[in-house]
């Protein structure tokens, strides 16, 4: 079961992705999401996509994996990485969990290949 494209208010395996801004113009180069996890949220296999991803923790405690590295994220922590590396929320350590995930696409080609 592969993650599907995430959109405004999508829920995937009880992980809620709220798209915070939507630009329909030809120069869309980023997507900001508010992601919420709860006790029943499933953790899925690592995934990758084009662009650079920035995560900012708002609430809870989360173990997040990028490539072979594991990071413990708490409110106020941030993480930036090349999103073409496999990544995912690995373990839910303190509920509820809420974080911002902003994907910056290096070019329109990156965004169009999603």
PDB file of N, CA and C in Angstrom:
ATOM      1  N   UNK A   1       0.847  -1.183   0.000  1.00  0.00           N
ATOM      2  CA  UNK A   1       0.000   0.000   0.000  1.00  0.00           C
ATOM      3  C   UNK A   1       0.887   1.238   0.000  1.00  0.00           C
ATOM      4  N   UNK A   2       1.010   1.916  -1.122  1.00  0.00           N
ATOM      5  CA  UNK A   2       1.888   3.070  -1.257  1.00  0.00           C
ATOM      6  C   UNK A   2       1.169   4.367  -0.899  1.00  0.00           C
ATOM      7  N   UNK A   3       1.884   5.324  -0.296  1.00  0.00           N
ATOM      8  CA  UNK A   3       1.271   6.622  -0.043  1.00  0.00           C
ATOM      9  C   UNK A   3       0.820   7.240  -1.361  1.00  0.00           C
ATOM     10  N   UNK A   4      -0.328   7.886  -1.322  1.00  0.00           N
ATOM     11  CA  UNK A   4      -0.830   8.539  -2.523  1.00  0.00           C
ATOM     12  C   UNK A   4      -0.571  10.030  -2.412  1.00  0.00           C
ATOM     13  N   UNK A   5      -0.853  10.726  -3.465  1.00  0.00           N
ATOM     14  CA  UNK A   5      -0.697  12.169  -3.458  1.00  0.00           C
ATOM     15  C   UNK A   5      -1.535  12.768  -2.340  1.00  0.00           C
ATOM     16  N   UNK A   6      -0.954  13.705  -1.625  1.00  0.00           N
ATOM     17  CA  UNK A   6      -1.657  14.310  -0.508  1.00  0.00           C
ATOM     18  C   UNK A   6      -2.231  15.655  -0.926  1.00  0.00           C
ATOM     19  N   UNK A   7      -3.425  15.922  -0.496  1.00  0.00           N
ATOM     20  CA  UNK A   7      -4.064  17.184  -0.837  1.00  0.00           C
ATOM     21  C   UNK A   7      -4.748  17.796   0.359  1.00  0.00           C
ATOM     22  N   UNK A   8      -5.526  18.808   0.129  1.00  0.00           N
ATOM     23  CA  UNK A   8      -6.199  19.563   1.173  1.00  0.00           C
ATOM     24  C   UNK A   8      -7.033  18.647   2.051  1.00  0.00           C
ATOM     25  N   UNK A   9      -6.658  18.535   3.315  1.00  0.00           N
ATOM     26  CA  UNK A   9      -7.426  17.777   4.281  1.00  0.00           C
ATOM     27  C   UNK A   9      -7.433  16.279   4.075  1.00  0.00           C
ATOM     28  N   UNK A  10      -6.494  15.724   3.306  1.00  0.00           N
ATOM     29  CA  UNK A  10      -6.446  14.287   3.087  1.00  0.00           C
ATOM     30  C   UNK A  10      -6.078  13.561   4.373  1.00  0.00           C
ATOM     31  N   UNK A  11      -6.635  12.383   4.541  1.00  0.00           N
ATOM     32  CA  UNK A  11      -6.263  11.511   5.645  1.00  0.00           C
ATOM     33  C   UNK A  11      -5.728  10.234   5.025  1.00  0.00           C
ATOM     34  N   UNK A  12      -4.491   9.890   5.359  1.00  0.00           N
ATOM     35  CA  UNK A  12      -3.876   8.675   4.846  1.00  0.00           C
ATOM     36  C   UNK A  12      -3.414   7.869   6.042  1.00  0.00           C
ATOM     37  N   UNK A  13      -3.997   6.675   6.212  1.00  0.00           N
ATOM     38  CA  UNK A  13      -3.646   5.811   7.342  1.00  0.00           C
ATOM     39  C   UNK A  13      -3.717   6.583   8.650  1.00  0.00           C
ATOM     40  N   UNK A  14      -4.763   7.389   8.794  1.00  0.00           N
ATOM     41  CA  UNK A  14      -5.046   8.197   9.978  1.00  0.00           C
ATOM     42  C   UNK A  14      -3.976   9.252  10.241  1.00  0.00           C
ATOM     43  N   UNK A  15      -3.230   9.624   9.216  1.00  0.00           N
ATOM     44  CA  UNK A  15      -2.340  10.772   9.278  1.00  0.00           C
ATOM     45  C   UNK A  15      -3.027  11.869   8.472  1.00  0.00           C
ATOM     46  N   UNK A  16      -3.303  12.999   9.101  1.00  0.00           N
ATOM     47  CA  UNK A  16      -4.027  14.063   8.438  1.00  0.00           C
ATOM     48  C   UNK A  16      -3.044  15.073   7.841  1.00  0.00           C
ATOM     49  N   UNK A  17      -3.192  15.325   6.544  1.00  0.00           N
ATOM     50  CA  UNK A  17      -2.380  16.299   5.821  1.00  0.00           C
ATOM     51  C   UNK A  17      -3.288  17.452   5.418  1.00  0.00           C
ATOM     52  N   UNK A  18      -3.049  18.623   5.987  1.00  0.00           N
ATOM     53  CA  UNK A  18      -3.797  19.820   5.597  1.00  0.00           C
ATOM     54  C   UNK A  18      -2.883  20.716   4.778  1.00  0.00           C
ATOM     55  N   UNK A  19      -3.233  20.911   3.512  1.00  0.00           N
ATOM     56  CA  UNK A  19      -2.477  21.815   2.649  1.00  0.00           C
ATOM     57  C   UNK A  19      -2.830  23.239   3.074  1.00  0.00           C
ATOM     58  N   UNK A  20      -1.831  24.013   3.492  1.00  0.00           N
ATOM     59  CA  UNK A  20      -2.068  25.333   4.062  1.00  0.00           C
ATOM     60  C   UNK A  20      -2.148  26.446   3.031  1.00  0.00           C
ATOM     61  N   UNK A  21      -1.632  26.228   1.860  1.00  0.00           N
ATOM     62  CA  UNK A  21      -1.688  27.229   0.790  1.00  0.00           C
ATOM     63  C   UNK A  21      -1.738  26.494  -0.532  1.00  0.00           C
ATOM     64  N   UNK A  22      -2.524  27.016  -1.443  1.00  0.00           N
ATOM     65  CA  UNK A  22      -2.637  26.384  -2.747  1.00  0.00           C
ATOM     66  C   UNK A  22      -2.530  27.449  -3.816  1.00  0.00           C
ATOM     67  N   UNK A  23      -1.512  27.344  -4.641  1.00  0.00           N
ATOM     68  CA  UNK A  23      -1.275  28.303  -5.711  1.00  0.00           C
ATOM     69  C   UNK A  23      -1.527  27.603  -7.040  1.00  0.00           C
ATOM     70  N   UNK A  24      -2.461  28.124  -7.809  1.00  0.00           N
ATOM     71  CA  UNK A  24      -2.779  27.503  -9.095  1.00  0.00           C
ATOM     72  C   UNK A  24      -1.968  28.094 -10.236  1.00  0.00           C
ATOM     73  N   UNK A  25      -1.116  29.058  -9.942  1.00  0.00           N
ATOM     74  CA  UNK A  25      -0.321  29.686 -10.986  1.00  0.00           C
ATOM     75  C   UNK A  25       0.782  28.777 -11.498  1.00  0.00           C
ATOM     76  N   UNK A  26       1.446  29.199 -12.571  1.00  0.00           N
ATOM     77  CA  UNK A  26       2.483  28.366 -13.209  1.00  0.00           C
ATOM     78  C   UNK A  26       3.789  28.307 -12.418  1.00  0.00           C
ATOM     79  N   UNK A  27       3.942  29.098 -11.372  1.00  0.00           N
ATOM     80  CA  UNK A  27       5.205  29.150 -10.641  1.00  0.00           C
ATOM     81  C   UNK A  27       5.107  28.533  -9.249  1.00  0.00           C
ATOM     82  N   UNK A  28       4.265  27.544  -9.080  1.00  0.00           N
ATOM     83  CA  UNK A  28       4.142  26.894  -7.777  1.00  0.00           C
ATOM     84  C   UNK A  28       5.430  26.148  -7.476  1.00  0.00           C
ATOM     85  N   UNK A  29       6.139  26.596  -6.463  1.00  0.00           N
ATOM     86  CA  UNK A  29       7.417  25.993  -6.136  1.00  0.00           C
ATOM     87  C   UNK A  29       7.475  25.407  -4.734  1.00  0.00           C
ATOM     88  N   UNK A  30       6.395  25.507  -3.948  1.00  0.00           N
ATOM     89  CA  UNK A  30       6.410  24.914  -2.616  1.00  0.00           C
ATOM     90  C   UNK A  30       5.008  24.493  -2.205  1.00  0.00           C
ATOM     91  N   UNK A  31       4.958  23.563  -1.226  1.00  0.00           N
ATOM     92  CA  UNK A  31       3.698  23.110  -0.650  1.00  0.00           C
ATOM     93  C   UNK A  31       3.860  23.046   0.862  1.00  0.00           C
ATOM     94  N   UNK A  32       3.091  23.844   1.613  1.00  0.00           N
ATOM     95  CA  UNK A  32       3.155  23.775   3.067  1.00  0.00           C
ATOM     96  C   UNK A  32       2.003  22.914   3.613  1.00  0.00           C
ATOM     97  N   UNK A  33       2.346  21.923   4.439  1.00  0.00           N
ATOM     98  CA  UNK A  33       1.353  21.038   5.044  1.00  0.00           C
ATOM     99  C   UNK A  33       1.407  21.136   6.558  1.00  0.00           C
ATOM    100  N   UNK A  34       0.248  21.003   7.198  1.00  0.00           N
ATOM    101  CA  UNK A  34       0.160  20.764   8.628  1.00  0.00           C
ATOM    102  C   UNK A  34      -0.205  19.287   8.763  1.00  0.00           C
ATOM    103  N   UNK A  35       0.656  18.503   9.404  1.00  0.00           N
ATOM    104  CA  UNK A  35       0.448  17.065   9.527  1.00  0.00           C
ATOM    105  C   UNK A  35       0.141  16.733  10.979  1.00  0.00           C
ATOM    106  N   UNK A  36      -0.925  15.950  11.172  1.00  0.00           N
ATOM    107  CA  UNK A  36      -1.351  15.551  12.511  1.00  0.00           C
ATOM    108  C   UNK A  36      -1.374  14.033  12.615  1.00  0.00           C
ATOM    109  N   UNK A  37      -0.827  13.527  13.720  1.00  0.00           N
ATOM    110  CA  UNK A  37      -0.825  12.094  14.011  1.00  0.00           C
ATOM    111  C   UNK A  37      -1.467  11.880  15.381  1.00  0.00           C
ATOM    112  N   UNK A  38      -2.179  10.766  15.531  1.00  0.00           N
ATOM    113  CA  UNK A  38      -2.723  10.409  16.837  1.00  0.00           C
ATOM    114  C   UNK A  38      -2.382   8.955  17.142  1.00  0.00           C
ATOM    115  N   UNK A  39      -2.930   8.432  18.240  1.00  0.00           N
ATOM    116  CA  UNK A  39      -2.603   7.076  18.668  1.00  0.00           C
ATOM    117  C   UNK A  39      -2.908   6.031  17.597  1.00  0.00           C
ATOM    118  N   UNK A  40      -3.934   6.267  16.781  1.00  0.00           N
ATOM    119  CA  UNK A  40      -4.345   5.291  15.780  1.00  0.00           C
ATOM    120  C   UNK A  40      -3.675   5.487  14.424  1.00  0.00           C
ATOM    121  N   UNK A  41      -2.867   6.517  14.279  1.00  0.00           N
ATOM    122  CA  UNK A  41      -2.176   6.760  13.007  1.00  0.00           C
ATOM    123  C   UNK A  41      -1.195   5.637  12.725  1.00  0.00           C
ATOM    124  N   UNK A  42      -1.237   5.133  11.510  1.00  0.00           N
ATOM    125  CA  UNK A  42      -0.295   4.099  11.100  1.00  0.00           C
ATOM    126  C   UNK A  42       0.966   4.748  10.547  1.00  0.00           C
ATOM    127  N   UNK A  43       2.072   4.074  10.707  1.00  0.00           N
ATOM    128  CA  UNK A  43       3.334   4.523  10.127  1.00  0.00           C
ATOM    129  C   UNK A  43       3.530   3.731   8.850  1.00  0.00           C
ATOM    130  N   UNK A  44       3.838   4.420   7.754  1.00  0.00           N
ATOM    131  CA  UNK A  44       4.003   3.718   6.489  1.00  0.00           C
ATOM    132  C   UNK A  44       5.461   3.590   6.106  1.00  0.00           C
ATOM    133  N   UNK A  45       5.701   2.817   5.056  1.00  0.00           N
ATOM    134  CA  UNK A  45       7.053   2.591   4.585  1.00  0.00           C
ATOM    135  C   UNK A  45       7.704   3.909   4.175  1.00  0.00           C
ATOM    136  N   UNK A  46       9.043   3.970   4.210  1.00  0.00           N
ATOM    137  CA  UNK A  46       9.726   5.182   3.760  1.00  0.00           C
ATOM    138  C   UNK A  46       9.317   5.537   2.328  1.00  0.00           C
ATOM    139  N   UNK A  47       9.266   6.816   2.051  1.00  0.00           N
ATOM    140  CA  UNK A  47       8.923   7.285   0.717  1.00  0.00           C
ATOM    141  C   UNK A  47       9.870   8.407   0.342  1.00  0.00           C
ATOM    142  N   UNK A  48       9.900   8.733  -0.931  1.00  0.00           N
ATOM    143  CA  UNK A  48      10.737   9.824  -1.414  1.00  0.00           C
ATOM    144  C   UNK A  48       9.997  10.563  -2.519  1.00  0.00           C
ATOM    145  N   UNK A  49      10.380  11.802  -2.716  1.00  0.00           N
ATOM    146  CA  UNK A  49       9.774  12.649  -3.742  1.00  0.00           C
ATOM    147  C   UNK A  49      10.759  13.758  -4.073  1.00  0.00           C
ATOM    148  N   UNK A  50      10.484  14.488  -5.103  1.00  0.00           N
ATOM    149  CA  UNK A  50      11.363  15.582  -5.521  1.00  0.00           C
ATOM    150  C   UNK A  50      11.355  16.696  -4.486  1.00  0.00           C
ATOM    151  N   UNK A  51      12.410  17.490  -4.500  1.00  0.00           N
ATOM    152  CA  UNK A  51      12.457  18.708  -3.703  1.00  0.00           C
ATOM    153  C   UNK A  51      13.237  18.591  -2.407  1.00  0.00           C
ATOM    154  N   UNK A  52      13.176  19.676  -1.648  1.00  0.00           N
ATOM    155  CA  UNK A  52      13.773  19.777  -0.323  1.00  0.00           C
ATOM    156  C   UNK A  52      12.634  19.911   0.668  1.00  0.00           C
ATOM    157  N   UNK A  53      12.691  19.159   1.766  1.00  0.00           N
ATOM    158  CA  UNK A  53      11.621  19.204   2.755  1.00  0.00           C
ATOM    159  C   UNK A  53      12.133  19.824   4.053  1.00  0.00           C
ATOM    160  N   UNK A  54      11.299  20.670   4.640  1.00  0.00           N
ATOM    161  CA  UNK A  54      11.572  21.313   5.925  1.00  0.00           C
ATOM    162  C   UNK A  54      10.460  20.905   6.878  1.00  0.00           C
ATOM    163  N   UNK A  55      10.824  20.390   8.040  1.00  0.00           N
ATOM    164  CA  UNK A  55       9.856  19.995   9.060  1.00  0.00           C
ATOM    165  C   UNK A  55      10.066  20.871  10.283  1.00  0.00           C
ATOM    166  N   UNK A  56       8.955  21.348  10.869  1.00  0.00           N
ATOM    167  CA  UNK A  56       9.004  22.126  12.106  1.00  0.00           C
ATOM    168  C   UNK A  56       7.982  21.544  13.078  1.00  0.00           C
ATOM    169  N   UNK A  57       8.454  21.050  14.212  1.00  0.00           N
ATOM    170  CA  UNK A  57       7.579  20.411  15.194  1.00  0.00           C
ATOM    171  C   UNK A  57       6.804  21.452  16.003  1.00  0.00           C
ATOM    172  N   UNK A  58       5.492  21.226  16.095  1.00  0.00           N
ATOM    173  CA  UNK A  58       4.622  22.103  16.869  1.00  0.00           C
ATOM    174  C   UNK A  58       4.204  21.482  18.197  1.00  0.00           C
ATOM    175  N   UNK A  59       3.942  20.162  18.171  1.00  0.00           N
ATOM    176  CA  UNK A  59       3.385  19.504  19.350  1.00  0.00           C
ATOM    177  C   UNK A  59       3.769  18.026  19.340  1.00  0.00           C
ATOM    178  N   UNK A  60       3.995  17.455  20.520  1.00  0.00           N
ATOM    179  CA  UNK A  60       4.296  16.032  20.639  1.00  0.00           C
ATOM    180  C   UNK A  60       5.777  15.742  20.511  1.00  0.00           C
ATOM    181  N   UNK A  61       6.076  14.460  20.341  1.00  0.00           N
ATOM    182  CA  UNK A  61       7.460  14.004  20.201  1.00  0.00           C
ATOM    183  C   UNK A  61       7.458  12.876  19.176  1.00  0.00           C
ATOM    184  N   UNK A  62       8.382  12.952  18.227  1.00  0.00           N
ATOM    185  CA  UNK A  62       8.379  12.068  17.074  1.00  0.00           C
ATOM    186  C   UNK A  62       9.801  11.639  16.738  1.00  0.00           C
ATOM    187  N   UNK A  63       9.955  10.362  16.408  1.00  0.00           N
ATOM    188  CA  UNK A  63      11.210   9.902  15.824  1.00  0.00           C
ATOM    189  C   UNK A  63      11.016   9.893  14.323  1.00  0.00           C
ATOM    190  N   UNK A  64      11.880  10.607  13.604  1.00  0.00           N
ATOM    191  CA  UNK A  64      11.752  10.754  12.151  1.00  0.00           C
ATOM    192  C   UNK A  64      13.023  10.221  11.508  1.00  0.00           C
ATOM    193  N   UNK A  65      12.865   9.421  10.453  1.00  0.00           N
ATOM    194  CA  UNK A  65      13.998   8.815   9.768  1.00  0.00           C
ATOM    195  C   UNK A  65      14.189   9.451   8.392  1.00  0.00           C
ATOM    196  N   UNK A  66      15.436   9.788   8.089  1.00  0.00           N
ATOM    197  CA  UNK A  66      15.832  10.266   6.759  1.00  0.00           C
ATOM    198  C   UNK A  66      17.053   9.445   6.366  1.00  0.00           C
ATOM    199  N   UNK A  67      16.903   8.648   5.294  1.00  0.00           N
ATOM    200  CA  UNK A  67      17.995   7.754   4.919  1.00  0.00           C
ATOM    201  C   UNK A  67      18.275   6.800   6.064  1.00  0.00           C
ATOM    202  N   UNK A  68      19.534   6.738   6.524  1.00  0.00           N
ATOM    203  CA  UNK A  68      19.915   5.874   7.640  1.00  0.00           C
ATOM    204  C   UNK A  68      19.947   6.615   8.980  1.00  0.00           C
ATOM    205  N   UNK A  69      19.596   7.893   8.959  1.00  0.00           N
ATOM    206  CA  UNK A  69      19.660   8.709  10.181  1.00  0.00           C
ATOM    207  C   UNK A  69      18.298   8.798  10.862  1.00  0.00           C
ATOM    208  N   UNK A  70      18.313   8.748  12.198  1.00  0.00           N
ATOM    209  CA  UNK A  70      17.084   8.899  12.985  1.00  0.00           C
ATOM    210  C   UNK A  70      17.209  10.157  13.833  1.00  0.00           C
ATOM    211  N   UNK A  71      16.121  10.912  13.888  1.00  0.00           N
ATOM    212  CA  UNK A  71      16.092  12.170  14.631  1.00  0.00           C
ATOM    213  C   UNK A  71      14.905  12.156  15.586  1.00  0.00           C
ATOM    214  N   UNK A  72      15.130  12.630  16.817  1.00  0.00           N
ATOM    215  CA  UNK A  72      14.047  12.817  17.772  1.00  0.00           C
ATOM    216  C   UNK A  72      13.651  14.281  17.696  1.00  0.00           C
ATOM    217  N   UNK A  73      12.389  14.531  17.356  1.00  0.00           N
ATOM    218  CA  UNK A  73      11.895  15.890  17.173  1.00  0.00           C
ATOM    219  C   UNK A  73      10.864  16.219  18.242  1.00  0.00           C
ATOM    220  N   UNK A  74      11.032  17.379  18.866  1.00  0.00           N
ATOM    221  CA  UNK A  74      10.120  17.893  19.881  1.00  0.00           C
ATOM    222  C   UNK A  74       9.719  19.307  19.479  1.00  0.00           C
ATOM    223  N   UNK A  75       8.711  19.892  20.151  1.00  0.00           N
ATOM    224  CA  UNK A  75       8.273  21.243  19.765  1.00  0.00           C
ATOM    225  C   UNK A  75       9.442  22.221  19.686  1.00  0.00           C
ATOM    226  N   UNK A  76       9.479  22.958  18.578  1.00  0.00           N
ATOM    227  CA  UNK A  76      10.544  23.924  18.332  1.00  0.00           C
ATOM    228  C   UNK A  76      11.698  23.371  17.514  1.00  0.00           C
ATOM    229  N   UNK A  77      11.787  22.040  17.376  1.00  0.00           N
ATOM    230  CA  UNK A  77      12.849  21.439  16.566  1.00  0.00           C
ATOM    231  C   UNK A  77      12.504  21.514  15.087  1.00  0.00           C
ATOM    232  N   UNK A  78      13.538  21.565  14.254  1.00  0.00           N
ATOM    233  CA  UNK A  78      13.328  21.564  12.806  1.00  0.00           C
ATOM    234  C   UNK A  78      14.322  20.618  12.149  1.00  0.00           C
ATOM    235  N   UNK A  79      13.981  20.232  10.936  1.00  0.00           N
ATOM    236  CA  UNK A  79      14.797  19.295  10.170  1.00  0.00           C
ATOM    237  C   UNK A  79      14.628  19.648   8.698  1.00  0.00           C
ATOM    238  N   UNK A  80      15.732  19.733   7.975  1.00  0.00           N
ATOM    239  CA  UNK A  80      15.707  19.995   6.536  1.00  0.00           C
ATOM    240  C   UNK A  80      16.502  18.894   5.840  1.00  0.00           C
ATOM    241  N   UNK A  81      15.956  18.378   4.722  1.00  0.00           N
ATOM    242  CA  UNK A  81      16.630  17.288   4.039  1.00  0.00           C
ATOM    243  C   UNK A  81      16.209  17.220   2.574  1.00  0.00           C
ATOM    244  N   UNK A  82      17.046  16.541   1.790  1.00  0.00           N
ATOM    245  CA  UNK A  82      16.753  16.257   0.394  1.00  0.00           C
ATOM    246  C   UNK A  82      15.659  15.195   0.382  1.00  0.00           C
ATOM    247  N   UNK A  83      14.480  15.542  -0.120  1.00  0.00           N
ATOM    248  CA  UNK A  83      13.321  14.645  -0.061  1.00  0.00           C
ATOM    249  C   UNK A  83      13.430  13.460  -1.015  1.00  0.00           C
ATOM    250  N   UNK A  84      14.479  13.413  -1.825  1.00  0.00           N
ATOM    251  CA  UNK A  84      14.688  12.246  -2.673  1.00  0.00           C
ATOM    252  C   UNK A  84      15.313  11.093  -1.884  1.00  0.00           C
ATOM    253  N   UNK A  85      15.700  11.357  -0.625  1.00  0.00           N
ATOM    254  CA  UNK A  85      16.138  10.291   0.272  1.00  0.00           C
ATOM    255  C   UNK A  85      14.889   9.654   0.890  1.00  0.00           C
ATOM    256  N   UNK A  86      14.904   8.345   1.132  1.00  0.00           N
ATOM    257  CA  UNK A  86      13.759   7.738   1.817  1.00  0.00           C
ATOM    258  C   UNK A  86      13.572   8.379   3.198  1.00  0.00           C
ATOM    259  N   UNK A  87      12.329   8.716   3.541  1.00  0.00           N
ATOM    260  CA  UNK A  87      12.052   9.358   4.826  1.00  0.00           C
ATOM    261  C   UNK A  87      10.646   9.008   5.303  1.00  0.00           C
ATOM    262  N   UNK A  88      10.446   9.140   6.621  1.00  0.00           N
ATOM    263  CA  UNK A  88       9.129   8.870   7.199  1.00  0.00           C
ATOM    264  C   UNK A  88       9.126   9.172   8.695  1.00  0.00           C
ATOM    265  N   UNK A  89       7.929   9.369   9.239  1.00  0.00           N
ATOM    266  CA  UNK A  89       7.798   9.347  10.692  1.00  0.00           C
ATOM    267  C   UNK A  89       8.020   7.895  11.136  1.00  0.00           C
ATOM    268  N   UNK A  90       8.961   7.669  12.009  1.00  0.00           N
ATOM    269  CA  UNK A  90       9.340   6.310  12.393  1.00  0.00           C
ATOM    270  C   UNK A  90       8.580   5.818  13.624  1.00  0.00           C
ATOM    271  N   UNK A  91       8.530   6.650  14.672  1.00  0.00           N
ATOM    272  CA  UNK A  91       7.883   6.243  15.916  1.00  0.00           C
ATOM    273  C   UNK A  91       7.206   7.444  16.563  1.00  0.00           C
ATOM    274  N   UNK A  92       5.994   7.218  17.037  1.00  0.00           N
ATOM    275  CA  UNK A  92       5.230   8.253  17.738  1.00  0.00           C
ATOM    276  C   UNK A  92       5.575   8.132  19.219  1.00  0.00           C
ATOM    277  N   UNK A  93       6.284   9.121  19.758  1.00  0.00           N
ATOM    278  CA  UNK A  93       6.797   9.019  21.125  1.00  0.00           C
ATOM    279  C   UNK A  93       5.927   9.740  22.151  1.00  0.00           C
ATOM    280  N   UNK A  94       5.239  10.805  21.746  1.00  0.00           N
ATOM    281  CA  UNK A  94       4.345  11.530  22.653  1.00  0.00           C
ATOM    282  C   UNK A  94       3.224  12.153  21.838  1.00  0.00           C
ATOM    283  N   UNK A  95       1.993  11.845  22.200  1.00  0.00           N
ATOM    284  CA  UNK A  95       0.809  12.308  21.473  1.00  0.00           C
ATOM    285  C   UNK A  95       0.205  13.538  22.123  1.00  0.00           C
ATOM    286  N   UNK A  96      -0.592  14.293  21.391  1.00  0.00           N
ATOM    287  CA  UNK A  96      -0.735  14.248  19.935  1.00  0.00           C
ATOM    288  C   UNK A  96       0.483  14.863  19.267  1.00  0.00           C
ATOM    289  N   UNK A  97       0.647  14.555  17.981  1.00  0.00           N
ATOM    290  CA  UNK A  97       1.783  15.069  17.214  1.00  0.00           C
ATOM    291  C   UNK A  97       1.248  15.970  16.111  1.00  0.00           C
ATOM    292  N   UNK A  98       1.836  17.160  16.023  1.00  0.00           N
ATOM    293  CA  UNK A  98       1.517  18.079  14.927  1.00  0.00           C
ATOM    294  C   UNK A  98       2.816  18.727  14.474  1.00  0.00           C
ATOM    295  N   UNK A  99       3.006  18.769  13.154  1.00  0.00           N
ATOM    296  CA  UNK A  99       4.200  19.431  12.620  1.00  0.00           C
ATOM    297  C   UNK A  99       3.909  20.018  11.245  1.00  0.00           C
ATOM    298  N   UNK A 100       4.690  21.036  10.922  1.00  0.00           N
ATOM    299  CA  UNK A 100       4.637  21.625   9.587  1.00  0.00           C
ATOM    300  C   UNK A 100       5.644  20.901   8.714  1.00  0.00           C
ATOM    301  N   UNK A 101       5.250  20.589   7.499  1.00  0.00           N
ATOM    302  CA  UNK A 101       6.156  20.024   6.499  1.00  0.00           C
ATOM    303  C   UNK A 101       6.027  20.890   5.260  1.00  0.00           C
ATOM    304  N   UNK A 102       7.103  21.534   4.886  1.00  0.00           N
ATOM    305  CA  UNK A 102       7.102  22.415   3.721  1.00  0.00           C
ATOM    306  C   UNK A 102       8.032  21.804   2.686  1.00  0.00           C
ATOM    307  N   UNK A 103       7.473  21.533   1.529  1.00  0.00           N
ATOM    308  CA  UNK A 103       8.263  20.959   0.437  1.00  0.00           C
ATOM    309  C   UNK A 103       8.560  22.074  -0.554  1.00  0.00           C
ATOM    310  N   UNK A 104       9.848  22.295  -0.795  1.00  0.00           N
ATOM    311  CA  UNK A 104      10.297  23.280  -1.773  1.00  0.00           C
ATOM    312  C   UNK A 104      10.786  22.517  -2.994  1.00  0.00           C
ATOM    313  N   UNK A 105      10.226  22.862  -4.146  1.00  0.00           N
ATOM    314  CA  UNK A 105      10.632  22.220  -5.395  1.00  0.00           C
ATOM    315  C   UNK A 105      11.669  23.099  -6.066  1.00  0.00           C
ATOM    316  N   UNK A 106      12.788  22.501  -6.455  1.00  0.00           N
ATOM    317  CA  UNK A 106      13.887  23.253  -7.048  1.00  0.00           C
ATOM    318  C   UNK A 106      13.509  23.865  -8.391  1.00  0.00           C
ATOM    319  N   UNK A 107      12.538  23.257  -9.057  1.00  0.00           N
ATOM    320  CA  UNK A 107      12.090  23.773 -10.347  1.00  0.00           C
ATOM    321  C   UNK A 107      10.673  23.300 -10.604  1.00  0.00           C
ATOM    322  N   UNK A 108      10.049  23.850 -11.624  1.00  0.00           N
ATOM    323  CA  UNK A 108       8.712  23.398 -12.002  1.00  0.00           C
ATOM    324  C   UNK A 108       8.751  21.941 -12.451  1.00  0.00           C
ATOM    325  N   UNK A 109       9.874  21.495 -13.009  1.00  0.00           N
ATOM    326  CA  UNK A 109       9.990  20.099 -13.426  1.00  0.00           C
ATOM    327  C   UNK A 109       9.829  19.163 -12.235  1.00  0.00           C
ATOM    328  N   UNK A 110      10.434  19.526 -11.048  1.00  0.00           N
ATOM    329  CA  UNK A 110      10.274  18.706  -9.855  1.00  0.00           C
ATOM    330  C   UNK A 110       8.808  18.579  -9.475  1.00  0.00           C
ATOM    331  N   UNK A 111       8.096  19.701  -9.477  1.00  0.00           N
ATOM    332  CA  UNK A 111       6.702  19.682  -9.054  1.00  0.00           C
ATOM    333  C   UNK A 111       5.856  18.883 -10.035  1.00  0.00           C
ATOM    334  N   UNK A 112       6.112  19.024 -11.320  1.00  0.00           N
ATOM    335  CA  UNK A 112       5.297  18.350 -12.334  1.00  0.00           C
ATOM    336  C   UNK A 112       5.516  16.846 -12.379  1.00  0.00           C
ATOM    337  N   UNK A 113       6.620  16.341 -11.811  1.00  0.00           N
ATOM    338  CA  UNK A 113       6.895  14.908 -11.804  1.00  0.00           C
ATOM    339  C   UNK A 113       6.393  14.215 -10.561  1.00  0.00           C
ATOM    340  N   UNK A 114       5.672  14.900  -9.710  1.00  0.00           N
ATOM    341  CA  UNK A 114       5.139  14.300  -8.474  1.00  0.00           C
ATOM    342  C   UNK A 114       4.170  13.214  -8.795  1.00  0.00           C
TER     343      UNK A 114
END
